[in-house]
Structure formats: structure tokens, C-alpha cells
Protein backbone atom coordinates (compact mmCIF):
# COMPACT_ATOMS: atom_id res chain seq x y z
CA MET A 1 -12.71 21.91 3.90
CA LYS A 2 -14.13 20.36 7.07
CA ASN A 3 -17.74 20.59 5.88
CA LYS A 4 -17.15 19.66 2.25
CA GLN A 5 -18.83 16.45 1.13
CA ILE A 6 -17.89 14.36 -1.89
CA ASN A 7 -19.58 11.40 -3.54
CA VAL A 8 -17.24 8.47 -4.14
CA SER A 9 -17.71 5.09 -5.78
CA ILE A 10 -15.70 1.89 -5.56
CA VAL A 11 -15.10 -0.39 -8.53
CA GLY A 12 -14.32 -3.89 -7.33
CA GLY A 13 -15.73 -3.60 -3.83
CA SER A 14 -15.96 -7.29 -3.00
CA GLY A 15 -12.23 -7.91 -2.57
CA TYR A 16 -10.15 -7.33 0.53
CA ALA A 17 -9.02 -3.90 -0.67
CA GLY A 18 -12.60 -2.91 -1.45
CA GLY A 19 -13.72 -4.09 1.97
CA GLU A 20 -11.06 -2.02 3.70
CA LEU A 21 -12.05 1.02 1.64
CA LEU A 22 -15.64 0.55 2.75
CA ARG A 23 -14.66 0.16 6.39
CA ILE A 24 -12.58 3.34 6.38
CA LEU A 25 -14.80 5.50 4.16
CA LEU A 26 -18.00 4.68 6.06
CA GLY A 27 -16.45 6.52 9.01
CA HIS A 28 -15.10 9.43 6.97
CA PRO A 29 -16.97 12.67 7.72
CA ASN A 30 -16.47 14.14 4.24
CA VAL A 31 -17.48 11.13 2.16
CA LYS A 32 -20.71 9.65 0.91
CA ILE A 33 -20.32 6.29 -0.82
CA SER A 34 -22.59 6.34 -3.85
CA GLN A 35 -21.97 2.99 -5.52
CA VAL A 36 -19.96 -0.18 -4.99
CA THR A 37 -19.55 -2.58 -7.88
CA SER A 38 -19.13 -6.33 -8.02
CA ARG A 39 -19.84 -8.41 -11.08
CA GLN A 40 -20.12 -11.62 -9.06
CA PHE A 41 -22.20 -10.27 -6.15
CA ALA A 42 -24.38 -7.68 -7.88
CA ASN A 43 -27.69 -6.98 -6.09
CA GLN A 44 -26.43 -8.43 -2.81
CA PRO A 45 -25.73 -6.39 0.34
CA VAL A 46 -22.04 -5.53 0.79
CA SER A 47 -22.31 -6.98 4.30
CA THR A 48 -22.79 -10.47 2.88
CA ILE A 49 -19.15 -10.39 1.73
CA HIS A 50 -17.85 -8.00 4.40
CA PRO A 51 -19.65 -9.19 7.55
CA ASN A 52 -17.85 -6.65 9.74
CA LEU A 53 -20.13 -4.03 8.10
CA ARG A 54 -23.41 -5.55 9.32
CA LYS A 55 -25.72 -2.80 10.63
CA ILE A 56 -23.11 -0.25 9.53
CA THR A 57 -24.37 0.17 5.97
CA ASP A 58 -27.24 -0.93 3.75
CA LEU A 59 -25.25 -0.46 0.54
CA MET A 60 -25.79 -3.03 -2.19
CA PHE A 61 -23.32 -4.19 -4.80
CA ILE A 62 -24.22 -3.12 -8.34
CA ASP A 63 -23.11 -4.45 -11.69
CA PRO A 64 -20.13 -2.48 -13.06
CA GLY A 65 -22.16 -1.63 -16.16
CA LYS A 66 -24.51 0.50 -14.04
CA LEU A 67 -21.75 2.71 -12.64
CA SER A 68 -22.61 6.41 -12.84
CA GLU A 69 -20.78 9.69 -12.31
CA CYS A 70 -19.13 10.59 -9.01
CA ASP A 71 -16.62 13.06 -7.59
CA LEU A 72 -13.88 10.50 -7.03
CA LEU A 73 -13.60 6.90 -8.14
CA PHE A 74 -11.60 4.18 -6.39
CA VAL A 75 -10.61 1.30 -8.68
CA ALA A 76 -9.77 -1.92 -6.82
CA LEU A 77 -9.51 -4.51 -9.58
CA PRO A 78 -7.08 -7.39 -10.21
CA ASN A 79 -3.89 -6.52 -12.05
CA GLY A 80 -4.36 -6.10 -15.78
CA ILE A 81 -8.08 -5.21 -15.62
CA SER A 82 -8.31 -1.49 -14.84
CA MET A 83 -6.18 -0.53 -17.86
CA GLN A 84 -8.94 -1.96 -20.07
CA TYR A 85 -11.57 0.37 -18.63
CA MET A 86 -9.64 3.48 -17.56
CA ASP A 87 -10.78 5.60 -20.54
CA LYS A 88 -14.38 4.86 -19.54
CA TYR A 89 -13.72 5.63 -15.87
CA LYS A 90 -12.19 9.00 -16.76
CA LYS A 91 -15.52 10.00 -18.30
CA LEU A 92 -17.34 9.13 -15.05
CA SER A 93 -15.08 10.87 -12.54
CA PRO A 94 -12.64 13.80 -12.58
CA LYS A 95 -10.49 12.11 -9.93
CA ILE A 96 -9.40 8.47 -9.89
CA ILE A 97 -7.33 6.43 -7.45
CA ASP A 98 -6.23 3.05 -8.79
CA LEU A 99 -5.28 0.50 -6.12
CA GLY A 100 -3.94 -2.06 -8.60
CA ALA A 101 -0.63 -2.35 -10.41
CA ASP A 102 -1.65 -1.15 -13.87
CA PHE A 103 -0.49 2.46 -13.53
CA ARG A 104 2.27 2.22 -10.91
CA ILE A 105 5.09 1.86 -13.41
CA HIS A 106 5.72 4.85 -15.66
CA ASP A 107 7.50 2.94 -18.41
CA LYS A 108 5.53 0.53 -20.61
CA LYS A 109 8.43 -1.85 -21.27
CA THR A 110 9.32 -2.03 -17.59
CA PHE A 111 5.71 -2.83 -16.69
CA GLU A 112 5.49 -5.57 -19.30
CA PHE A 113 8.81 -7.10 -18.24
CA TRP A 114 7.82 -7.45 -14.59
CA TYR A 115 4.09 -8.17 -14.95
CA HIS A 116 4.23 -10.31 -18.10
CA LYS A 117 1.25 -8.48 -19.58
CA THR A 118 0.82 -6.16 -22.56
CA HIS A 119 -0.16 -2.71 -21.33
CA THR A 120 -3.22 -1.63 -23.29
CA SER A 121 -3.29 2.02 -22.14
CA PRO A 122 0.36 3.13 -22.23
CA LYS A 123 -0.52 6.77 -22.99
CA LEU A 124 -2.08 7.05 -19.51
CA LEU A 125 0.96 5.80 -17.58
CA GLU A 126 2.51 9.23 -17.14
CA SER A 127 -0.83 10.72 -16.00
CA PHE A 128 -0.74 8.80 -12.71
CA VAL A 129 1.21 9.97 -9.66
CA ASN A 130 2.65 7.38 -7.28
CA GLY A 131 0.54 7.21 -4.12
CA VAL A 132 3.25 7.18 -1.42
CA ALA A 133 2.29 10.51 0.14
CA GLU A 134 5.48 10.86 2.15
CA LEU A 135 7.41 11.16 -1.13
CA HIS A 136 4.84 12.75 -3.45
CA ARG A 137 2.53 14.81 -1.27
CA GLU A 138 2.60 18.01 -3.32
CA ASP A 139 2.18 16.17 -6.63
CA ILE A 140 -0.77 14.20 -5.22
CA LYS A 141 -2.48 17.41 -4.12
CA LYS A 142 -2.36 18.70 -7.70
CA SER A 143 -3.11 15.43 -9.47
CA SER A 144 -6.37 13.99 -10.73
CA PHE A 145 -5.00 10.46 -11.09
CA VAL A 146 -3.09 8.52 -8.44
CA ALA A 147 -1.85 4.92 -8.42
CA THR A 148 -1.25 3.52 -4.96
CA ALA A 149 2.00 1.64 -4.51
CA GLY A 150 2.13 -2.08 -3.90
CA CYS A 151 2.20 -3.08 -0.25
CA GLU A 152 5.71 -4.54 -0.23
CA ALA A 153 6.95 -1.64 -2.33
CA THR A 154 5.36 0.87 0.06
CA VAL A 155 7.09 -0.34 3.20
CA SER A 156 10.42 -0.85 1.43
CA ILE A 157 10.36 2.60 -0.17
CA LEU A 158 9.52 4.27 3.13
CA ALA A 159 12.19 2.36 5.02
CA LEU A 160 14.94 3.13 2.51
CA TYR A 161 14.16 6.62 1.25
CA PRO A 162 15.83 8.73 3.98
CA LEU A 163 18.99 6.62 3.86
CA ILE A 164 19.34 6.88 0.09
CA LYS A 165 18.45 10.56 0.00
CA ASN A 166 21.12 11.28 2.62
CA LYS A 167 23.62 8.96 0.89
CA LEU A 168 24.13 6.81 3.97
CA ILE A 169 23.99 3.48 2.13
CA SER A 170 25.08 2.05 -1.19
CA PRO A 171 22.13 2.19 -3.63
CA GLU A 172 23.53 -0.78 -5.53
CA GLU A 173 23.62 -3.37 -2.72
CA ILE A 174 20.17 -3.70 -1.17
CA ILE A 175 18.59 -7.05 -0.28
CA ILE A 176 14.99 -7.12 0.91
CA ASP A 177 13.69 -10.13 2.84
CA ALA A 178 9.89 -9.81 2.87
CA LYS A 179 7.55 -11.85 5.08
CA MET A 180 4.10 -11.89 3.50
CA SER A 181 0.66 -12.57 4.99
CA SER A 182 -2.06 -14.52 3.20
CA SER A 183 -4.32 -11.53 2.45
CA GLN A 184 -1.67 -10.18 0.08
CA ALA A 185 -2.70 -12.87 -2.41
CA GLY A 186 -6.27 -11.50 -2.52
CA MET A 187 -9.54 -13.40 -2.26
CA LYS A 188 -9.04 -15.73 -5.21
CA PHE A 189 -8.65 -19.31 -4.04
CA SER A 190 -5.64 -21.41 -4.97
CA PHE A 191 -3.97 -24.62 -3.87
CA SER A 192 -1.33 -22.66 -1.96
CA SER A 193 -4.01 -20.72 -0.05
CA HIS A 194 -5.89 -23.88 0.96
CA HIS A 195 -5.88 -23.93 4.78
CA PRO A 196 -4.14 -27.30 5.26
CA GLU A 197 -1.37 -26.12 2.93
CA ARG A 198 -1.01 -22.58 4.26
CA ALA A 199 -1.49 -23.00 8.01
CA GLY A 200 1.74 -23.24 9.99
CA SER A 201 3.86 -22.68 6.91
CA VAL A 202 6.94 -20.57 6.32
CA ARG A 203 7.20 -20.96 2.56
CA SER A 204 9.64 -19.26 0.22
CA TYR A 205 7.53 -18.58 -2.85
CA MET A 206 9.53 -15.97 -4.74
CA PRO A 207 13.21 -15.96 -3.81
CA THR A 208 13.93 -13.80 -6.88
CA GLY A 209 12.03 -11.81 -9.47
CA HIS A 210 9.41 -10.12 -7.28
CA ARG A 211 7.48 -7.63 -9.42
CA HIS A 212 7.53 -4.88 -6.78
CA THR A 213 11.22 -4.56 -7.60
CA ALA A 214 10.21 -2.27 -10.47
CA GLU A 215 8.37 0.20 -8.21
CA ILE A 216 11.11 0.37 -5.62
CA GLU A 217 13.80 0.96 -8.21
CA GLN A 218 11.66 3.53 -9.99
CA GLU A 219 10.97 5.53 -6.83
CA LEU A 220 14.42 5.29 -5.22
CA GLY A 221 16.77 5.14 -8.18
CA ALA A 222 18.41 2.14 -6.52
CA LYS A 223 19.03 -1.50 -7.36
CA VAL A 224 17.26 -3.99 -5.11
CA ALA A 225 16.89 -7.76 -4.80
CA ILE A 226 13.76 -9.14 -3.11
CA SER A 227 13.09 -12.53 -1.57
CA ALA A 228 9.49 -13.15 -0.53
CA THR A 229 8.31 -15.68 2.06
CA ALA A 230 4.71 -16.60 2.88
CA ILE A 231 4.02 -16.92 6.59
CA ASP A 232 1.05 -18.00 8.70
CA MET A 233 -0.51 -14.56 9.23
CA VAL A 234 -3.69 -13.09 7.70
CA ARG A 235 -2.67 -9.41 7.79
CA GLY A 236 0.64 -7.69 7.91
CA LEU A 237 3.98 -7.38 6.19
CA LEU A 238 7.51 -7.30 7.58
CA VAL A 239 10.62 -6.45 5.59
CA THR A 240 14.16 -6.98 6.84
CA ILE A 241 16.43 -5.00 4.53
CA HIS A 242 20.17 -5.63 4.39
CA THR A 243 22.23 -2.68 3.17
CA VAL A 244 25.88 -1.67 3.03
CA PRO A 245 26.47 1.59 4.93
CA ASN A 246 28.85 4.22 3.75
CA GLN A 247 32.04 4.43 5.78
CA ASN A 248 32.05 5.97 9.24
CA ILE A 249 28.30 6.50 9.61
CA SER A 250 26.95 6.36 13.15
CA GLU A 251 23.56 5.68 14.72
CA ARG A 252 23.26 9.40 15.21
CA ASP A 253 23.53 9.90 11.43
CA ILE A 254 20.77 7.35 10.87
CA TRP A 255 18.46 8.92 13.46
CA LYS A 256 19.12 12.35 11.94
CA ALA A 257 18.20 11.10 8.47
CA TYR A 258 14.91 9.56 9.58
CA ARG A 259 13.90 12.43 11.84
CA GLY A 260 14.86 15.02 9.26
CA ILE A 261 12.51 13.57 6.66
CA TYR A 262 9.82 11.86 8.75
CA GLY A 263 9.81 13.95 11.91
CA GLN A 264 6.47 15.58 11.06
CA GLU A 265 4.92 12.66 9.20
CA PRO A 266 1.63 11.56 10.81
CA PHE A 267 1.90 7.90 9.82
CA ILE A 268 5.61 7.11 10.19
CA ARG A 269 7.02 5.90 13.51
CA ILE A 270 10.66 5.09 14.19
CA VAL A 271 10.77 2.10 16.54
CA LYS A 272 14.04 1.19 18.21
CA GLU A 273 13.67 0.34 21.87
CA SER A 274 16.59 -0.59 24.10
CA ASN A 275 14.58 -3.28 25.90
CA GLY A 276 11.12 -4.79 26.18
CA ILE A 277 9.21 -7.11 23.85
CA TYR A 278 8.53 -4.67 21.02
CA ARG A 279 12.08 -3.51 20.35
CA TYR A 280 11.54 -3.40 16.59
CA PRO A 281 8.54 -3.04 14.25
CA GLU A 282 6.02 -5.86 14.35
CA PRO A 283 3.07 -6.24 11.95
CA LYS A 284 0.72 -7.68 14.55
CA ILE A 285 0.31 -4.40 16.43
CA LEU A 286 -0.31 -2.48 13.20
CA GLN A 287 -3.42 -4.39 12.16
CA GLY A 288 -6.10 -2.01 10.94
CA THR A 289 -3.83 1.05 11.13
CA ASN A 290 -2.29 3.34 8.54
CA PHE A 291 1.08 3.46 10.30
CA CYS A 292 4.42 2.38 8.92
CA ASP A 293 6.87 1.44 11.67
CA ILE A 294 10.58 1.54 10.86
CA GLY A 295 13.54 0.31 12.92
CA PHE A 296 17.20 -0.32 12.29
CA GLU A 297 20.36 -1.93 13.62
CA LEU A 298 23.90 -0.97 12.65
CA ASP A 299 26.34 -3.91 12.62
CA THR A 300 29.92 -2.72 12.45
CA HIS A 301 31.28 -6.30 12.58
CA SER A 302 29.73 -7.32 9.27
CA ASN A 303 29.48 -3.77 7.88
CA ARG A 304 25.71 -3.94 7.52
CA LEU A 305 22.88 -1.58 8.24
CA VAL A 306 19.73 -3.66 8.73
CA ILE A 307 16.40 -1.85 8.41
CA ILE A 308 13.12 -3.37 9.61
CA GLY A 309 9.80 -2.08 8.30
CA ALA A 310 6.24 -3.16 9.06
CA ILE A 311 2.76 -2.21 7.86
CA ASP A 312 -0.74 -3.60 7.58
CA ASN A 313 -0.71 -4.54 3.90
CA LEU A 314 -4.45 -3.83 3.53
CA VAL A 315 -4.30 -0.35 5.08
CA LYS A 316 -1.04 1.57 4.66
CA GLY A 317 -0.20 -0.88 1.87
CA THR A 318 -3.52 -0.47 0.03
CA ALA A 319 -6.81 1.08 1.17
CA GLY A 320 -5.48 3.40 3.88
CA GLN A 321 -2.90 4.76 1.48
CA ALA A 322 -5.70 5.38 -1.04
CA VAL A 323 -7.76 7.30 1.53
CA GLN A 324 -4.69 9.31 2.55
CA ASP A 325 -4.26 10.20 -1.13
CA MET A 326 -7.95 11.09 -1.45
CA ASN A 327 -7.65 13.46 1.50
CA LEU A 328 -4.74 15.23 -0.18
CA MET A 329 -6.46 15.39 -3.58
CA CYS A 330 -9.65 16.82 -2.10
CA GLY A 331 -8.17 19.27 0.40
CA PHE A 332 -9.18 17.38 3.55
CA GLU A 333 -7.00 16.97 6.61
CA GLU A 334 -4.60 14.21 5.60
CA THR A 335 -5.31 12.01 8.62
CA THR A 336 -9.12 12.16 8.35
CA GLY A 337 -10.68 8.70 8.64
CA LEU A 338 -7.31 7.12 9.40
CA GLU A 339 -6.96 7.84 13.11
CA PHE A 340 -7.39 4.24 14.30
CA THR A 341 -4.48 3.45 16.63
CA GLY A 342 -4.65 -0.33 16.54
CA LEU A 343 -5.33 -2.83 19.30
CA HIS A 344 -3.06 -4.38 21.88
CA PRO A 345 -3.06 -7.18 22.75
CA ILE A 346 -4.58 -8.83 19.73
């Protein structure tokens, strides 16, 4: 499949997720970007909104109403919007990857409980495969419709999956402390995103009731509680997960679980250094990459197993995950276009 070329289009290309898709796909050897839509910025160069793409592309935003057929369609719209147009999009492309929340949850009632919206296309929910490739690789390869997981859900699912699968922790007692960067709120302005309010802050904004709870519980069959805190960082996401280990487990058991499942995974790294600055995962060094770094610490005194996970929320948590899924759906090498190693220092 090295020489195969596909035409892709992006719906909602002016947001942060759309910009990351453009950045990655413009360097993908098997992809030609046909169209990029934006209702607000139609007829303007994409580089006016994504200045990092100056002299990289001469693509222009088009109005969504002018969208035409393509081989694969990325949909990067705010939550609650793509469900209104998905029947139309299915007529334009045989393969669709939705980066929003509308098709992540398989059950209509569960979606409506957590997102406080009426789902207008419930018959399509079961058509979409969850986009975490490390769990659903074979299903993604065979699917025409994929819904990428939410960023906080992605890192939490990846950090917990080997431990739950190997029955090393209680699936009923999981507390996730998530540190969130500002880009996770998207490009829409709000009082809380105003620079004088956001800069320097460590603000608890959702101590309970985080909507990604639904995805994590769906994918892991576990019960989780999430507390989310906004921090002064543009990109990145760090979760510190407190779990109760089963009796008599050792660090060797934990290493064996992670290596057994993720040993051959191209984008998972287990980080647990005995010394040095970067002893555990840190979002800063993951900026722009599709890696998920996972670390852990076993505390026998308090009977806790603490797992630390980090990603770039805009790449592994959104656009990079979508490109990884595209590669699987189209028969390309899974890592194509996602080889960026990150920068250090930054």
C-alpha cells in the first residue's frame, strides 16, 4: 500500500483539531487533502488561521455546503453537530472518522445522560468503532466508521487497560485526577479562557461528573471517578490514577502486564526511571507527538497502585489518533505520518 493515494477532506478545519489534522496530513505520503471546510472562514487561506502552515499549503477553506465526494472524510465539529449531518456525510464518503463526541458512546441513554443532549442519529451509534487502536485495531481495519476517543478518556483507558485485563486492580475503585491544558477547551472564547483569568491558574473546574467517565467505563467495564483541573499549559494532559491493587501483586506483575499487552505497540512507552528529572511521564516532552507515556508506583503502605499517564491532547488525544485510525482503515503502515519524536528541551 506504499504507493496508494487517497483523497481526504476535513469538515471543521479551522479548530485546533482541524489544524493538527492539516499539519499531520500535509506530510503524509499517501494522502491528498481535497477540501477543508469552515463556515466562518470560507474563501480564506487555511494559513490565516493556522499560521504554522504558511508556505506549506495553498489550501483555502470552503463553505460546508460545497463539500464534495472523497475517499475518507474527517469530521472535526463541536459536540452535538456532526450527528445532525452524518447521513449526508455518509453519501459523500465511504469512510468517516469523527473526532467529536457524538458517536463515541454506543448507548443513546448513556450519551444523553452525560452530554445533556438529545441524540438525533441513535441508529448510527453502533456503526462506529472506538478509535483507540491499541484496543480495537482489528475492528478499525474492517470498519468504515470510527469515532476517536476523547483525550482524557484515551490516556486513562490506555493506562488502565492492561491492569484491568490482567485483574491486578479492583475495577470498582478507580479515581482519576486529570490535569488539563487550555487547548482542550477548543478555540471558542470564554471568560475562563481569558488570559488574565487562565494564566498562572490551577483551577478545579469539574471535581465530579466529567463526561469522559462514560467512555472509560464503556471501554474498560470498570467504575471510575474523575476530577479535572485546569492548569497553565497550552498543550498536554496528565492523569494520576489511584487504584486499589489486588493482594500480593509485585512490580514484576505490573511490568509483565504492560509489556505483555503494549510490548509491540509503536506509540506506547512505559516510563519509570530510577533517577533523573524525567522519572515519570510528563506532557511537555510529548508535544506534537502521537505517544502515550505510562508510569506507575506501587505503595504498599497505603495499598495503592498509582498510574501516571501523559499525552498531547491534540495528537494522540485527537488528530494523531484519527490519522492512526485512517492508516489502519486504508491499509497503510500504522505509523505513517506520525513519526515525529518531539522536541527537548522545549
